[in-house]
C-alpha atoms as a PDB file:
ATOM      1  CA  UNK A   1       0.000   0.000   0.000  1.00  0.00           C
ATOM      2  CA  UNK A   2       1.377   3.438  -0.933  1.00  0.00           C
ATOM      3  CA  UNK A   3       1.826   5.967   1.905  1.00  0.00           C
ATOM      4  CA  UNK A   4      -0.137   8.496  -0.151  1.00  0.00           C
ATOM      5  CA  UNK A   5      -3.216   6.304   0.109  1.00  0.00           C
ATOM      6  CA  UNK A   6      -3.072   6.359   3.920  1.00  0.00           C
ATOM      7  CA  UNK A   7      -2.859  10.141   3.952  1.00  0.00           C
ATOM      8  CA  UNK A   8      -5.696  10.338   1.458  1.00  0.00           C
ATOM      9  CA  UNK A   9      -8.095   8.284   3.544  1.00  0.00           C
ATOM     10  CA  UNK A  10      -7.165  10.125   6.757  1.00  0.00           C
ATOM     11  CA  UNK A  11      -7.947  13.440   5.089  1.00  0.00           C
ATOM     12  CA  UNK A  12     -11.363  12.290   4.019  1.00  0.00           C
ATOM     13  CA  UNK A  13     -12.145  10.965   7.473  1.00  0.00           C
ATOM     14  CA  UNK A  14     -11.196  14.286   9.026  1.00  0.00           C
ATOM     15  CA  UNK A  15     -12.867  16.588   6.540  1.00  0.00           C
ATOM     16  CA  UNK A  16     -16.046  14.691   5.658  1.00  0.00           C
ATOM     17  CA  UNK A  17     -17.148  13.055   8.885  1.00  0.00           C
ATOM     18  CA  UNK A  18     -17.125  16.307  10.802  1.00  0.00           C
ATOM     19  CA  UNK A  19     -20.087  17.542   8.787  1.00  0.00           C
ATOM     20  CA  UNK A  20     -21.912  14.340   7.807  1.00  0.00           C
ATOM     21  CA  UNK A  21     -25.642  14.138   8.512  1.00  0.00           C
ATOM     22  CA  UNK A  22     -27.068  10.692   7.645  1.00  0.00           C
ATOM     23  CA  UNK A  23     -28.344   7.370   9.210  1.00  0.00           C
ATOM     24  CA  UNK A  24     -28.393   3.483   8.809  1.00  0.00           C
ATOM     25  CA  UNK A  25     -28.953   0.193  10.640  1.00  0.00           C
ATOM     26  CA  UNK A  26     -26.748  -2.918  10.677  1.00  0.00           C
ATOM     27  CA  UNK A  27     -25.360  -2.965   7.152  1.00  0.00           C
ATOM     28  CA  UNK A  28     -22.433  -4.125   5.057  1.00  0.00           C
ATOM     29  CA  UNK A  29     -21.172  -2.844   1.717  1.00  0.00           C
ATOM     30  CA  UNK A  30     -19.283  -5.170  -0.639  1.00  0.00           C
ATOM     31  CA  UNK A  31     -17.858  -4.106  -3.983  1.00  0.00           C
ATOM     32  CA  UNK A  32     -15.672  -5.458  -6.758  1.00  0.00           C
ATOM     33  CA  UNK A  33     -13.663  -4.015  -9.635  1.00  0.00           C
ATOM     34  CA  UNK A  34     -14.010  -5.421 -13.129  1.00  0.00           C
ATOM     35  CA  UNK A  35     -10.969  -7.285 -14.426  1.00  0.00           C
ATOM     36  CA  UNK A  36     -11.461  -5.960 -17.951  1.00  0.00           C
ATOM     37  CA  UNK A  37     -12.373  -2.632 -19.504  1.00  0.00           C
ATOM     38  CA  UNK A  38     -15.723  -3.810 -20.875  1.00  0.00           C
ATOM     39  CA  UNK A  39     -17.992  -6.022 -18.718  1.00  0.00           C
ATOM     40  CA  UNK A  40     -19.331  -9.241 -20.226  1.00  0.00           C
ATOM     41  CA  UNK A  41     -22.880  -7.833 -20.274  1.00  0.00           C
ATOM     42  CA  UNK A  42     -21.678  -4.929 -22.453  1.00  0.00           C
ATOM     43  CA  UNK A  43     -19.907  -7.037 -25.058  1.00  0.00           C
ATOM     44  CA  UNK A  44     -21.346  -6.406 -28.524  1.00  0.00           C
ATOM     45  CA  UNK A  45     -23.985  -3.972 -27.204  1.00  0.00           C
ATOM     46  CA  UNK A  46     -24.843  -1.138 -29.609  1.00  0.00           C
ATOM     47  CA  UNK A  47     -27.057   1.938 -29.108  1.00  0.00           C
ATOM     48  CA  UNK A  48     -30.771   1.132 -29.324  1.00  0.00           C
ATOM     49  CA  UNK A  49     -33.270   3.159 -31.288  1.00  0.00           C
ATOM     50  CA  UNK A  50     -35.549   5.171 -28.997  1.00  0.00           C
ATOM     51  CA  UNK A  51     -37.561   6.736 -31.796  1.00  0.00           C
ATOM     52  CA  UNK A  52     -41.085   5.408 -32.166  1.00  0.00           C
ATOM     53  CA  UNK A  53     -41.404   2.477 -32.298  1.00  0.00           C
ATOM     54  CA  UNK A  54     -38.770   1.877 -29.619  1.00  0.00           C
ATOM     55  CA  UNK A  55     -36.538  -1.167 -30.058  1.00  0.00           C
ATOM     56  CA  UNK A  56     -37.333  -2.509 -26.579  1.00  0.00           C
ATOM     57  CA  UNK A  57     -35.142  -5.689 -26.626  1.00  0.00           C
ATOM     58  CA  UNK A  58     -32.109  -3.652 -27.706  1.00  0.00           C
ATOM     59  CA  UNK A  59     -32.872  -0.911 -25.159  1.00  0.00           C
ATOM     60  CA  UNK A  60     -33.124  -3.465 -22.338  1.00  0.00           C
ATOM     61  CA  UNK A  61     -29.676  -4.837 -23.270  1.00  0.00           C
ATOM     62  CA  UNK A  62     -28.266  -1.320 -23.301  1.00  0.00           C
ATOM     63  CA  UNK A  63     -29.889  -0.377 -19.973  1.00  0.00           C
ATOM     64  CA  UNK A  64     -28.525  -3.600 -18.442  1.00  0.00           C
ATOM     65  CA  UNK A  65     -25.023  -2.689 -19.629  1.00  0.00           C
ATOM     66  CA  UNK A  66     -25.214   0.962 -18.609  1.00  0.00           C
ATOM     67  CA  UNK A  67     -25.724  -0.027 -14.955  1.00  0.00           C
ATOM     68  CA  UNK A  68     -23.111  -2.807 -14.934  1.00  0.00           C
ATOM     69  CA  UNK A  69     -20.184  -0.626 -13.906  1.00  0.00           C
ATOM     70  CA  UNK A  70     -18.091  -0.681 -10.738  1.00  0.00           C
ATOM     71  CA  UNK A  71     -18.431   3.076 -10.309  1.00  0.00           C
ATOM     72  CA  UNK A  72     -19.422   3.009  -6.636  1.00  0.00           C
ATOM     73  CA  UNK A  73     -15.911   1.836  -5.768  1.00  0.00           C
ATOM     74  CA  UNK A  74     -14.599   5.265  -6.802  1.00  0.00           C
ATOM     75  CA  UNK A  75     -16.565   7.330  -4.275  1.00  0.00           C
ATOM     76  CA  UNK A  76     -17.017   7.987  -0.602  1.00  0.00           C
ATOM     77  CA  UNK A  77     -20.622   8.664   0.313  1.00  0.00           C
ATOM     78  CA  UNK A  78     -23.260   8.875   3.023  1.00  0.00           C
ATOM     79  CA  UNK A  79     -25.808   6.086   3.447  1.00  0.00           C
ATOM     80  CA  UNK A  80     -28.952   6.604   5.501  1.00  0.00           C
ATOM     81  CA  UNK A  81     -30.892   3.488   6.462  1.00  0.00           C
ATOM     82  CA  UNK A  82     -34.342   3.762   8.040  1.00  0.00           C
ATOM     83  CA  UNK A  83     -36.388   0.826   9.333  1.00  0.00           C
ATOM     84  CA  UNK A  84     -40.137   1.187  10.003  1.00  0.00           C
ATOM     85  CA  UNK A  85     -42.314  -1.356  11.764  1.00  0.00           C
ATOM     86  CA  UNK A  86     -45.946  -1.439  12.939  1.00  0.00           C
ATOM     87  CA  UNK A  87     -47.043  -3.390  16.013  1.00  0.00           C
ATOM     88  CA  UNK A  88     -50.362  -5.242  16.497  1.00  0.00           C
ATOM     89  CA  UNK A  89     -51.982  -2.079  17.832  1.00  0.00           C
ATOM     90  CA  UNK A  90     -51.043  -0.151  14.714  1.00  0.00           C
ATOM     91  CA  UNK A  91     -48.318   1.893  16.388  1.00  0.00           C
ATOM     92  CA  UNK A  92     -45.405   2.795  14.156  1.00  0.00           C
ATOM     93  CA  UNK A  93     -41.800   2.497  15.290  1.00  0.00           C
ATOM     94  CA  UNK A  94     -38.914   3.915  13.282  1.00  0.00           C
ATOM     95  CA  UNK A  95     -35.179   3.446  13.756  1.00  0.00           C
ATOM     96  CA  UNK A  96     -32.281   4.883  11.791  1.00  0.00           C
ATOM     97  CA  UNK A  97     -28.498   4.999  11.747  1.00  0.00           C
ATOM     98  CA  UNK A  98     -26.129   7.137   9.677  1.00  0.00           C
ATOM     99  CA  UNK A  99     -23.027   5.869   7.940  1.00  0.00           C
ATOM    100  CA  UNK A 100     -20.206   7.586   6.117  1.00  0.00           C
ATOM    101  CA  UNK A 101     -18.907   4.923   3.747  1.00  0.00           C
ATOM    102  CA  UNK A 102     -15.277   4.673   2.634  1.00  0.00           C
ATOM    103  CA  UNK A 103     -14.078   2.255  -0.034  1.00  0.00           C
ATOM    104  CA  UNK A 104     -10.506   0.898   0.021  1.00  0.00           C
ATOM    105  CA  UNK A 105      -8.536   1.188  -3.193  1.00  0.00           C
ATOM    106  CA  UNK A 106      -9.231  -2.007  -5.153  1.00  0.00           C
ATOM    107  CA  UNK A 107      -7.167  -3.498  -7.957  1.00  0.00           C
ATOM    108  CA  UNK A 108      -8.935  -4.562 -11.142  1.00  0.00           C
ATOM    109  CA  UNK A 109     -10.381  -8.034 -10.780  1.00  0.00           C
ATOM    110  CA  UNK A 110     -10.608  -7.951  -6.963  1.00  0.00           C
ATOM    111  CA  UNK A 111     -13.293  -7.236  -4.391  1.00  0.00           C
ATOM    112  CA  UNK A 112     -13.503  -5.751  -0.905  1.00  0.00           C
ATOM    113  CA  UNK A 113     -15.761  -4.316   1.776  1.00  0.00           C
ATOM    114  CA  UNK A 114     -16.536  -0.708   2.501  1.00  0.00           C
ATOM    115  CA  UNK A 115     -15.510   0.756   5.855  1.00  0.00           C
ATOM    116  CA  UNK A 116     -18.480   2.346   7.582  1.00  0.00           C
ATOM    117  CA  UNK A 117     -18.464   5.017  10.270  1.00  0.00           C
ATOM    118  CA  UNK A 118     -21.652   5.719  12.246  1.00  0.00           C
ATOM    119  CA  UNK A 119     -22.338   9.447  12.555  1.00  0.00           C
ATOM    120  CA  UNK A 120     -25.948   9.469  13.832  1.00  0.00           C
ATOM    121  CA  UNK A 121     -28.458   7.177  15.475  1.00  0.00           C
ATOM    122  CA  UNK A 122     -32.136   8.037  15.201  1.00  0.00           C
ATOM    123  CA  UNK A 123     -31.235  11.517  14.014  1.00  0.00           C
ATOM    124  CA  UNK A 124     -28.966  12.253  16.988  1.00  0.00           C
ATOM    125  CA  UNK A 125     -25.250  12.774  16.256  1.00  0.00           C
ATOM    126  CA  UNK A 126     -22.898  10.406  18.066  1.00  0.00           C
ATOM    127  CA  UNK A 127     -20.615  11.900  20.689  1.00  0.00           C
ATOM    128  CA  UNK A 128     -17.373  13.564  19.649  1.00  0.00           C
ATOM    129  CA  UNK A 129     -15.380  10.888  21.436  1.00  0.00           C
ATOM    130  CA  UNK A 130     -17.202   8.028  19.711  1.00  0.00           C
ATOM    131  CA  UNK A 131     -16.805   9.696  16.328  1.00  0.00           C
ATOM    132  CA  UNK A 132     -13.066  10.280  16.757  1.00  0.00           C
ATOM    133  CA  UNK A 133     -12.541   6.671  17.826  1.00  0.00           C
ATOM    134  CA  UNK A 134     -14.570   5.432  14.857  1.00  0.00           C
ATOM    135  CA  UNK A 135     -12.511   7.614  12.509  1.00  0.00           C
ATOM    136  CA  UNK A 136      -9.240   6.205  13.819  1.00  0.00           C
ATOM    137  CA  UNK A 137     -10.537   2.634  13.595  1.00  0.00           C
ATOM    138  CA  UNK A 138     -11.745   3.266  10.045  1.00  0.00           C
ATOM    139  CA  UNK A 139      -8.339   4.568   8.995  1.00  0.00           C
ATOM    140  CA  UNK A 140      -6.698   1.390  10.325  1.00  0.00           C
ATOM    141  CA  UNK A 141      -9.269  -0.832   8.613  1.00  0.00           C
ATOM    142  CA  UNK A 142      -8.740   0.950   5.302  1.00  0.00           C
ATOM    143  CA  UNK A 143      -4.994   0.504   5.570  1.00  0.00           C
ATOM    144  CA  UNK A 144      -5.309  -3.218   6.340  1.00  0.00           C
ATOM    145  CA  UNK A 145      -7.878  -3.699   3.575  1.00  0.00           C
ATOM    146  CA  UNK A 146      -5.613  -2.098   0.983  1.00  0.00           C
ATOM    147  CA  UNK A 147      -2.607  -4.110   2.127  1.00  0.00           C
ATOM    148  CA  UNK A 148      -4.665  -7.296   1.797  1.00  0.00           C
ATOM    149  CA  UNK A 149      -6.039  -6.266  -1.589  1.00  0.00           C
ATOM    150  CA  UNK A 150      -2.533  -5.533  -2.909  1.00  0.00           C
ATOM    151  CA  UNK A 151      -1.609  -9.180  -2.290  1.00  0.00           C
ATOM    152  CA  UNK A 152      -4.725 -10.654  -3.929  1.00  0.00           C
ATOM    153  CA  UNK A 153      -4.533 -12.325  -7.307  1.00  0.00           C
ATOM    154  CA  UNK A 154      -6.928 -10.614  -9.732  1.00  0.00           C
ATOM    155  CA  UNK A 155      -9.566 -12.696 -11.488  1.00  0.00           C
ATOM    156  CA  UNK A 156      -9.281 -13.236 -15.231  1.00  0.00           C
ATOM    157  CA  UNK A 157     -10.949 -10.613 -17.480  1.00  0.00           C
ATOM    158  CA  UNK A 158     -14.466 -11.511 -18.650  1.00  0.00           C
ATOM    159  CA  UNK A 159     -13.758 -10.140 -22.126  1.00  0.00           C
ATOM    160  CA  UNK A 160     -10.716  -9.910 -24.403  1.00  0.00           C
ATOM    161  CA  UNK A 161      -8.795  -6.601 -24.431  1.00  0.00           C
ATOM    162  CA  UNK A 162      -9.827  -5.912 -28.042  1.00  0.00           C
ATOM    163  CA  UNK A 163     -13.504  -6.782 -27.607  1.00  0.00           C
ATOM    164  CA  UNK A 164     -16.004  -4.262 -28.929  1.00  0.00           C
ATOM    165  CA  UNK A 165     -18.939  -3.098 -26.895  1.00  0.00           C
ATOM    166  CA  UNK A 166     -20.241  -0.332 -24.705  1.00  0.00           C
ATOM    167  CA  UNK A 167     -18.991   1.192 -21.470  1.00  0.00           C
ATOM    168  CA  UNK A 168     -21.265   1.451 -18.397  1.00  0.00           C
ATOM    169  CA  UNK A 169     -22.346   4.861 -17.141  1.00  0.00           C
ATOM    170  CA  UNK A 170     -23.134   3.846 -13.578  1.00  0.00           C
ATOM    171  CA  UNK A 171     -23.885   1.057 -11.166  1.00  0.00           C
ATOM    172  CA  UNK A 172     -27.091  -0.607 -10.032  1.00  0.00           C
ATOM    173  CA  UNK A 173     -26.784  -2.032  -6.541  1.00  0.00           C
ATOM    174  CA  UNK A 174     -27.943  -5.430  -5.315  1.00  0.00           C
ATOM    175  CA  UNK A 175     -29.518  -4.981  -1.876  1.00  0.00           C
ATOM    176  CA  UNK A 176     -30.218  -7.961   0.391  1.00  0.00           C
ATOM    177  CA  UNK A 177     -32.359  -7.789   3.533  1.00  0.00           C
ATOM    178  CA  UNK A 178     -32.017 -10.809   5.852  1.00  0.00           C
ATOM    179  CA  UNK A 179     -34.890 -11.677   8.199  1.00  0.00           C
ATOM    180  CA  UNK A 180     -36.856 -14.521   9.794  1.00  0.00           C
ATOM    181  CA  UNK A 181     -39.541 -16.158   7.660  1.00  0.00           C
ATOM    182  CA  UNK A 182     -43.158 -16.846   8.674  1.00  0.00           C
ATOM    183  CA  UNK A 183     -42.017 -20.231  10.011  1.00  0.00           C
ATOM    184  CA  UNK A 184     -39.081 -18.799  11.955  1.00  0.00           C
ATOM    185  CA  UNK A 185     -36.377 -19.796   9.472  1.00  0.00           C
ATOM    186  CA  UNK A 186     -33.659 -17.413   8.373  1.00  0.00           C
ATOM    187  CA  UNK A 187     -34.338 -16.085   4.881  1.00  0.00           C
ATOM    188  CA  UNK A 188     -33.487 -13.058   2.746  1.00  0.00           C
ATOM    189  CA  UNK A 189     -34.922 -10.731   0.111  1.00  0.00           C
ATOM    190  CA  UNK A 190     -32.790  -9.272  -2.682  1.00  0.00           C
ATOM    191  CA  UNK A 191     -33.608  -6.215  -4.777  1.00  0.00           C
ATOM    192  CA  UNK A 192     -31.562  -5.766  -7.966  1.00  0.00           C
ATOM    193  CA  UNK A 193     -32.503  -3.785 -11.091  1.00  0.00           C
ATOM    194  CA  UNK A 194     -30.564  -6.236 -13.250  1.00  0.00           C
ATOM    195  CA  UNK A 195     -32.883  -9.099 -12.255  1.00  0.00           C
ATOM    196  CA  UNK A 196     -35.976  -7.149 -13.347  1.00  0.00           C
ATOM    197  CA  UNK A 197     -34.398  -6.346 -16.724  1.00  0.00           C
ATOM    198  CA  UNK A 198     -33.477 -10.004 -17.167  1.00  0.00           C
ATOM    199  CA  UNK A 199     -36.769 -11.637 -16.115  1.00  0.00           C
ATOM    200  CA  UNK A 200     -39.526  -9.176 -17.037  1.00  0.00           C
ATOM    201  CA  UNK A 201     -41.314  -8.113 -20.213  1.00  0.00           C
ATOM    202  CA  UNK A 202     -41.400  -4.364 -20.766  1.00  0.00           C
ATOM    203  CA  UNK A 203     -44.260  -2.578 -22.538  1.00  0.00           C
ATOM    204  CA  UNK A 204     -43.837   1.062 -23.554  1.00  0.00           C
ATOM    205  CA  UNK A 205     -46.295   3.368 -21.759  1.00  0.00           C
ATOM    206  CA  UNK A 206     -45.321   7.004 -22.331  1.00  0.00           C
ATOM    207  CA  UNK A 207     -42.635   9.685 -22.459  1.00  0.00           C
ATOM    208  CA  UNK A 208     -42.222  12.288 -19.709  1.00  0.00           C
ATOM    209  CA  UNK A 209     -39.883  15.083 -18.693  1.00  0.00           C
ATOM    210  CA  UNK A 210     -38.283  14.656 -15.268  1.00  0.00           C
ATOM    211  CA  UNK A 211     -35.674  17.001 -13.805  1.00  0.00           C
ATOM    212  CA  UNK A 212     -35.089  18.411 -17.283  1.00  0.00           C
ATOM    213  CA  UNK A 213     -34.444  15.023 -18.920  1.00  0.00           C
ATOM    214  CA  UNK A 214     -36.615  12.930 -21.235  1.00  0.00           C
ATOM    215  CA  UNK A 215     -37.717   9.677 -19.605  1.00  0.00           C
ATOM    216  CA  UNK A 216     -39.094   6.573 -21.314  1.00  0.00           C
ATOM    217  CA  UNK A 217     -41.602   4.862 -19.010  1.00  0.00           C
ATOM    218  CA  UNK A 218     -42.382   1.162 -19.358  1.00  0.00           C
ATOM    219  CA  UNK A 219     -44.787  -1.171 -17.581  1.00  0.00           C
ATOM    220  CA  UNK A 220     -43.151  -4.409 -16.510  1.00  0.00           C
ATOM    221  CA  UNK A 221     -44.537  -7.879 -15.827  1.00  0.00           C
ATOM    222  CA  UNK A 222     -42.516 -11.015 -14.990  1.00  0.00           C
ATOM    223  CA  UNK A 223     -42.265 -13.708 -17.650  1.00  0.00           C
ATOM    224  CA  UNK A 224     -44.116 -16.908 -16.774  1.00  0.00           C
ATOM    225  CA  UNK A 225     -40.949 -18.977 -17.276  1.00  0.00           C
ATOM    226  CA  UNK A 226     -38.594 -16.577 -15.468  1.00  0.00           C
ATOM    227  CA  UNK A 227     -35.950 -18.300 -13.344  1.00  0.00           C
ATOM    228  CA  UNK A 228     -35.696 -16.536  -9.991  1.00  0.00           C
ATOM    229  CA  UNK A 229     -33.512 -17.238  -6.984  1.00  0.00           C
ATOM    230  CA  UNK A 230     -35.215 -17.937  -3.659  1.00  0.00           C
ATOM    231  CA  UNK A 231     -34.510 -14.400  -2.438  1.00  0.00           C
ATOM    232  CA  UNK A 232     -36.091 -12.928  -5.592  1.00  0.00           C
ATOM    233  CA  UNK A 233     -39.173 -15.135  -6.004  1.00  0.00           C
ATOM    234  CA  UNK A 234     -41.416 -12.248  -4.946  1.00  0.00           C
ATOM    235  CA  UNK A 235     -40.811 -10.662  -8.377  1.00  0.00           C
ATOM    236  CA  UNK A 236     -43.165 -13.255  -9.913  1.00  0.00           C
ATOM    237  CA  UNK A 237     -46.037 -11.533  -8.073  1.00  0.00           C
ATOM    238  CA  UNK A 238     -45.215  -7.940  -9.050  1.00  0.00           C
ATOM    239  CA  UNK A 239     -46.113  -5.459 -11.751  1.00  0.00           C
ATOM    240  CA  UNK A 240     -45.009  -1.869 -11.995  1.00  0.00           C
ATOM    241  CA  UNK A 241     -43.000   0.729 -13.871  1.00  0.00           C
ATOM    242  CA  UNK A 242     -39.399   1.029 -15.040  1.00  0.00           C
ATOM    243  CA  UNK A 243     -38.103   4.433 -16.109  1.00  0.00           C
ATOM    244  CA  UNK A 244     -35.196   4.677 -18.559  1.00  0.00           C
ATOM    245  CA  UNK A 245     -33.324   7.904 -19.345  1.00  0.00           C
ATOM    246  CA  UNK A 246     -33.741   8.551 -23.076  1.00  0.00           C
ATOM    247  CA  UNK A 247     -30.246  10.001 -23.520  1.00  0.00           C
ATOM    248  CA  UNK A 248     -28.103   7.849 -21.224  1.00  0.00           C
ATOM    249  CA  UNK A 249     -30.247   4.690 -21.642  1.00  0.00           C
ATOM    250  CA  UNK A 250     -29.994   3.711 -17.964  1.00  0.00           C
ATOM    251  CA  UNK A 251     -32.756   2.775 -15.517  1.00  0.00           C
ATOM    252  CA  UNK A 252     -33.518   5.791 -13.331  1.00  0.00           C
ATOM    253  CA  UNK A 253     -36.495   4.407 -11.382  1.00  0.00           C
ATOM    254  CA  UNK A 254     -38.155   1.073 -10.609  1.00  0.00           C
ATOM    255  CA  UNK A 255     -41.422   0.794  -8.696  1.00  0.00           C
ATOM    256  CA  UNK A 256     -43.307  -2.466  -8.108  1.00  0.00           C
ATOM    257  CA  UNK A 257     -46.488  -3.567  -6.337  1.00  0.00           C
ATOM    258  CA  UNK A 258     -48.169  -6.975  -5.996  1.00  0.00           C
ATOM    259  CA  UNK A 259     -50.784  -7.934  -8.577  1.00  0.00           C
ATOM    260  CA  UNK A 260     -54.418  -7.893  -7.433  1.00  0.00           C
ATOM    261  CA  UNK A 261     -54.538 -11.672  -7.300  1.00  0.00           C
ATOM    262  CA  UNK A 262     -51.370 -12.051  -5.247  1.00  0.00           C
ATOM    263  CA  UNK A 263     -53.157 -11.640  -1.916  1.00  0.00           C
ATOM    264  CA  UNK A 264     -50.289  -9.673  -0.384  1.00  0.00           C
ATOM    265  CA  UNK A 265     -51.953  -6.297   0.090  1.00  0.00           C
ATOM    266  CA  UNK A 266     -52.600  -4.994   3.586  1.00  0.00           C
ATOM    267  CA  UNK A 267     -56.394  -5.175   4.182  1.00  0.00           C
ATOM    268  CA  UNK A 268     -56.336  -1.470   5.048  1.00  0.00           C
ATOM    269  CA  UNK A 269     -55.325  -0.679   1.459  1.00  0.00           C
ATOM    270  CA  UNK A 270     -58.066  -0.549  -1.186  1.00  0.00           C
ATOM    271  CA  UNK A 271     -55.821  -1.538  -4.094  1.00  0.00           C
ATOM    272  CA  UNK A 272     -52.106  -2.083  -4.775  1.00  0.00           C
ATOM    273  CA  UNK A 273     -51.929   1.022  -6.967  1.00  0.00           C
ATOM    274  CA  UNK A 274     -53.009   3.184  -4.024  1.00  0.00           C
ATOM    275  CA  UNK A 275     -50.575   1.614  -1.569  1.00  0.00           C
ATOM    276  CA  UNK A 276     -46.875   2.421  -1.145  1.00  0.00           C
ATOM    277  CA  UNK A 277     -44.593   0.426  -3.452  1.00  0.00           C
ATOM    278  CA  UNK A 278     -43.379  -2.974  -2.320  1.00  0.00           C
ATOM    279  CA  UNK A 279     -40.001  -2.317  -3.930  1.00  0.00           C
ATOM    280  CA  UNK A 280     -38.548   0.960  -5.129  1.00  0.00           C
ATOM    281  CA  UNK A 281     -35.230   2.029  -6.649  1.00  0.00           C
ATOM    282  CA  UNK A 282     -34.269   5.519  -7.739  1.00  0.00           C
ATOM    283  CA  UNK A 283     -30.979   6.547  -9.347  1.00  0.00           C
ATOM    284  CA  UNK A 284     -29.281   9.948  -9.450  1.00  0.00           C
ATOM    285  CA  UNK A 285     -26.999  11.518 -12.051  1.00  0.00           C
ATOM    286  CA  UNK A 286     -23.891  13.071 -10.527  1.00  0.00           C
ATOM    287  CA  UNK A 287     -22.274  16.230 -11.966  1.00  0.00           C
ATOM    288  CA  UNK A 288     -19.549  14.071 -13.573  1.00  0.00           C
ATOM    289  CA  UNK A 289     -22.209  12.106 -15.493  1.00  0.00           C
ATOM    290  CA  UNK A 290     -22.104   8.915 -13.408  1.00  0.00           C
ATOM    291  CA  UNK A 291     -25.390   7.312 -12.314  1.00  0.00           C
ATOM    292  CA  UNK A 292     -25.501   5.961  -8.762  1.00  0.00           C
ATOM    293  CA  UNK A 293     -28.310   4.993  -6.360  1.00  0.00           C
ATOM    294  CA  UNK A 294     -30.376   7.598  -4.539  1.00  0.00           C
ATOM    295  CA  UNK A 295     -33.058   5.441  -2.866  1.00  0.00           C
ATOM    296  CA  UNK A 296     -33.569   1.702  -2.364  1.00  0.00           C
ATOM    297  CA  UNK A 297     -36.674   0.437  -0.540  1.00  0.00           C
ATOM    298  CA  UNK A 298     -38.010  -3.003   0.422  1.00  0.00           C
ATOM    299  CA  UNK A 299     -41.418  -2.618   2.107  1.00  0.00           C
ATOM    300  CA  UNK A 300     -42.178  -5.578   4.359  1.00  0.00           C
ATOM    301  CA  UNK A 301     -44.652  -3.691   6.561  1.00  0.00           C
ATOM    302  CA  UNK A 302     -47.394  -3.328   3.949  1.00  0.00           C
ATOM    303  CA  UNK A 303     -46.452  -6.546   2.116  1.00  0.00           C
ATOM    304  CA  UNK A 304     -45.128  -9.001   4.693  1.00  0.00           C
ATOM    305  CA  UNK A 305     -46.721 -12.000   2.937  1.00  0.00           C
ATOM    306  CA  UNK A 306     -44.971 -11.074  -0.283  1.00  0.00           C
ATOM    307  CA  UNK A 307     -41.609 -11.153   1.483  1.00  0.00           C
ATOM    308  CA  UNK A 308     -42.238 -14.321   3.517  1.00  0.00           C
ATOM    309  CA  UNK A 309     -43.004 -12.701   6.850  1.00  0.00           C
ATOM    310  CA  UNK A 310     -40.713  -9.659   6.729  1.00  0.00           C
ATOM    311  CA  UNK A 311     -42.033  -7.088   9.217  1.00  0.00           C
ATOM    312  CA  UNK A 312     -39.787  -4.102   8.401  1.00  0.00           C
ATOM    313  CA  UNK A 313     -40.092  -1.394   5.780  1.00  0.00           C
ATOM    314  CA  UNK A 314     -36.418  -0.699   5.014  1.00  0.00           C
ATOM    315  CA  UNK A 315     -35.277   2.367   3.075  1.00  0.00           C
ATOM    316  CA  UNK A 316     -31.690   3.244   2.196  1.00  0.00           C
ATOM    317  CA  UNK A 317     -30.800   6.684   0.834  1.00  0.00           C
ATOM    318  CA  UNK A 318     -27.442   7.660  -0.661  1.00  0.00           C
ATOM    319  CA  UNK A 319     -25.977  11.159  -0.801  1.00  0.00           C
ATOM    320  CA  UNK A 320     -22.808  13.275  -0.569  1.00  0.00           C
ATOM    321  CA  UNK A 321     -20.935  11.307  -3.224  1.00  0.00           C
ATOM    322  CA  UNK A 322     -17.328  12.430  -3.482  1.00  0.00           C
ATOM    323  CA  UNK A 323     -14.979  10.918  -6.001  1.00  0.00           C
ATOM    324  CA  UNK A 324     -11.507  10.229  -4.696  1.00  0.00           C
ATOM    325  CA  UNK A 325      -8.139   9.838  -6.369  1.00  0.00           C
ATOM    326  CA  UNK A 326      -5.458   7.411  -5.235  1.00  0.00           C
ATOM    327  CA  UNK A 327      -2.723   9.740  -6.445  1.00  0.00           C
ATOM    328  CA  UNK A 328      -2.156  12.525  -3.885  1.00  0.00           C
ATOM    329  CA  UNK A 329       1.112  14.411  -3.549  1.00  0.00           C
ATOM    330  CA  UNK A 330       2.426  17.004  -1.095  1.00  0.00           C
ATOM    331  CA  UNK A 331      -0.552  16.690   1.242  1.00  0.00           C
ATOM    332  CA  UNK A 332      -0.413  18.780   4.407  1.00  0.00           C
ATOM    333  CA  UNK A 333      -2.792  18.468   7.342  1.00  0.00           C
ATOM    334  CA  UNK A 334      -3.210  21.428   9.682  1.00  0.00           C
ATOM    335  CA  UNK A 335      -4.403  20.013  13.031  1.00  0.00           C
ATOM    336  CA  UNK A 336      -5.298  23.478  14.307  1.00  0.00           C
ATOM    337  CA  UNK A 337      -7.563  24.157  11.362  1.00  0.00           C
ATOM    338  CA  UNK A 338      -5.862  27.534  10.748  1.00  0.00           C
ATOM    339  CA  UNK A 339      -5.370  28.865   7.190  1.00  0.00           C
END
């Protein structure tokens, strides 16, 4: 590990955590770097036609590729996780924790875990002493993680160096929520945009303007023969909308609710369309053009049958993305904070 990298991470811990304002519960962030320049899912992909009639199969391939990057490994960010539950008397309980997330420098073809520092619990900042200790521990963990990563043998590239294809513009996350099932067994639910693109039929609905960008909106429905993992079987009972940015051809929003015949709707709700979404993903476009997550939600409060007894409505929000560089020279830290 280069000394510059240690200084770099220490600087970010000192300058970002002092002003962070976010929350999250027990969580873990794992990332990997692609071994090759072009991911396997982007090999041979060409721009799809979005003029009427839209070439939907080609657009789905492009949208799949555009979110297949490893971009999140290049940023520090804030992750706010909120869990909501409702007891038998209808009383709502909400808990939250705030993390500042730091990613160790990863070689191509390797993976690692983010280092997370708690800055708030239930909206209340942690004490200065706890924060300083967490910052020091995080710096040590980052150093050890980078030393370990430097010794790892990279995996083989998925594609040849001269392969033609398309480059991703961002990164869809895969979020897993572990919980106890209706029968008391340990189970999990996974929410990943890629799975919806792979297993669902899209039907064009309309065009809209959102935040100054043209959006193509599609209705989705799972294919009858779709192969789903145990943690993603709930998708077979969903319908909803997928938004795709017309210029960047990447999914910007996914919202799904159970079908009327699924029997998963809370009796207090008159229809799935009027209830909160069961799953929700929203992406954000950063000033540098990268697309990264803004909101991820798995709603087990209103749809606990859908998720095999999950009793929490879990929402993760992402903000304060800051891209870092591993090359830093002549860095000086002023402990007194004077100019």
